[in-house]
Amino acid sequence: MNTLTKALAITTLTLSSIGLASASNVIVPADNYVTTKLCVVASEGSKSKLSHAIKEAGLSKHYVTTNVKCNELNLVSFIEKYGSNVEKMNNFLTNSKYSNNAEVANVASL
């Protein structure tokens, strides 16, 4: 019985540590500003959620791309650093003009 208990404990610990190792970064908002919510949604990697959040805020993609700052970064750079589905999200924001080799300054000219 003691051996079975040890085996179950080891299995449980192993499986729970696998889950922790594969967990991704979680962005936690520091306030309730609209722009903060946009940053959090953008980092999640869902174009439809981001599109909905932008429309709900009454803003345009162009305005969000050029004016919203997340942790002192423009939104495209923030997604590059912290986001999921980086290329898909940034192509959505820049109307398919995103290149991960482009300079950040070029985004402002969209």
Protein backbone atom coordinates (compact mmCIF):
# COMPACT_ATOMS: atom_id res chain seq x y z
CA MET A 1 0.00 0.00 0.00
CA ASN A 2 2.85 2.38 0.85
CA THR A 3 4.45 1.77 -2.56
CA LEU A 4 1.16 2.52 -4.33
CA THR A 5 0.82 5.81 -2.44
CA LYS A 6 4.36 6.84 -3.39
CA ALA A 7 3.78 5.92 -7.02
CA LEU A 8 0.57 7.98 -7.15
CA ALA A 9 2.28 10.94 -5.48
CA ILE A 10 5.18 10.85 -7.94
CA THR A 11 2.83 10.56 -10.91
CA THR A 12 0.71 13.45 -9.67
CA LEU A 13 3.72 15.70 -9.11
CA THR A 14 5.18 14.83 -12.50
CA LEU A 15 1.97 15.55 -14.36
CA SER A 16 1.37 18.83 -12.53
CA SER A 17 4.91 20.04 -13.25
CA ILE A 18 4.41 19.32 -16.96
CA GLY A 19 1.39 21.63 -16.92
CA LEU A 20 3.38 24.37 -15.24
CA ALA A 21 6.24 24.07 -17.70
CA SER A 22 3.96 24.52 -20.68
CA ALA A 23 2.06 27.49 -19.23
CA SER A 24 2.48 30.66 -21.27
CA ASN A 25 3.00 34.20 -20.05
CA VAL A 26 -0.10 35.74 -18.59
CA ILE A 27 -0.58 39.46 -19.05
CA VAL A 28 -2.23 41.01 -15.98
CA PRO A 29 -3.77 44.46 -16.41
CA ALA A 30 -2.65 47.10 -13.93
CA ASP A 31 -5.72 49.31 -14.40
CA ASN A 32 -9.08 49.49 -16.17
CA TYR A 33 -8.14 51.84 -19.01
CA VAL A 34 -9.47 50.97 -22.45
CA THR A 35 -5.94 50.89 -23.85
CA THR A 36 -4.82 48.44 -21.17
CA LYS A 37 -7.69 46.13 -22.09
CA LEU A 38 -6.65 46.37 -25.73
CA CYS A 39 -3.08 45.40 -24.82
CA VAL A 40 -4.26 42.36 -22.89
CA VAL A 41 -6.61 41.23 -25.66
CA ALA A 42 -3.94 41.79 -28.31
CA SER A 43 -1.45 39.62 -26.43
CA GLU A 44 -3.92 36.71 -26.38
CA GLY A 45 -3.58 36.16 -30.13
CA SER A 46 -7.21 36.23 -31.29
CA LYS A 47 -7.95 38.55 -34.22
CA SER A 48 -11.69 38.36 -33.66
CA LYS A 49 -11.40 39.28 -29.97
CA LEU A 50 -9.09 42.16 -30.78
CA SER A 51 -11.36 43.40 -33.56
CA HIS A 52 -14.33 43.26 -31.19
CA ALA A 53 -12.39 45.09 -28.45
CA ILE A 54 -11.32 47.84 -30.88
CA LYS A 55 -14.89 48.34 -32.11
CA GLU A 56 -16.24 48.27 -28.54
CA ALA A 57 -13.74 51.00 -27.61
CA GLY A 58 -14.90 53.09 -30.58
CA LEU A 59 -11.42 53.22 -32.09
CA SER A 60 -9.91 52.27 -35.44
CA LYS A 61 -7.11 49.80 -36.15
CA HIS A 62 -5.02 52.65 -37.50
CA TYR A 63 -5.49 54.72 -34.34
CA VAL A 64 -4.72 51.74 -32.09
CA THR A 65 -1.62 50.81 -34.10
CA THR A 66 -0.16 54.30 -34.08
CA ASN A 67 -1.23 55.63 -30.67
CA VAL A 68 -1.76 52.86 -28.13
CA LYS A 69 1.23 52.16 -25.87
CA CYS A 70 1.61 48.96 -23.86
CA ASN A 71 4.46 48.93 -21.34
CA GLU A 72 6.04 51.88 -23.20
CA LEU A 73 5.92 49.94 -26.51
CA ASN A 74 3.64 50.51 -29.47
CA LEU A 75 1.08 47.73 -29.87
CA VAL A 76 2.92 45.94 -32.69
CA SER A 77 6.15 45.78 -30.66
CA PHE A 78 4.23 44.72 -27.55
CA ILE A 79 2.68 41.81 -29.44
CA GLU A 80 6.12 40.86 -30.80
CA LYS A 81 7.50 40.73 -27.27
CA TYR A 82 4.61 39.31 -25.25
CA GLY A 83 1.92 38.08 -27.62
CA SER A 84 0.68 34.88 -29.17
CA ASN A 85 0.27 34.43 -32.92
CA VAL A 86 2.57 37.38 -33.49
CA GLU A 87 2.59 37.44 -37.28
CA LYS A 88 -1.17 36.86 -37.61
CA MET A 89 -2.01 39.59 -35.08
CA ASN A 90 0.39 42.16 -36.48
CA ASN A 91 -0.71 41.45 -40.06
CA PHE A 92 -4.26 42.12 -38.90
CA LEU A 93 -3.29 45.42 -37.30
CA THR A 94 -1.12 46.60 -40.19
CA ASN A 95 -3.37 45.38 -43.02
CA SER A 96 -0.86 42.65 -44.01
CA LYS A 97 2.07 45.08 -44.15
CA TYR A 98 3.80 43.54 -41.12
CA SER A 99 7.29 42.17 -41.38
CA ASN A 100 9.15 41.10 -38.28
CA ASN A 101 12.28 42.54 -39.88
CA ALA A 102 10.78 46.00 -40.38
CA GLU A 103 11.69 48.84 -38.11
CA VAL A 104 9.06 49.95 -35.61
CA ALA A 105 9.16 53.46 -37.05
CA ASN A 106 7.73 52.13 -40.32
CA VAL A 107 4.53 51.05 -38.57
CA ALA A 108 3.68 54.65 -37.73
CA SER A 109 3.58 55.49 -41.43
CA LEU A 110 0.65 53.12 -42.14
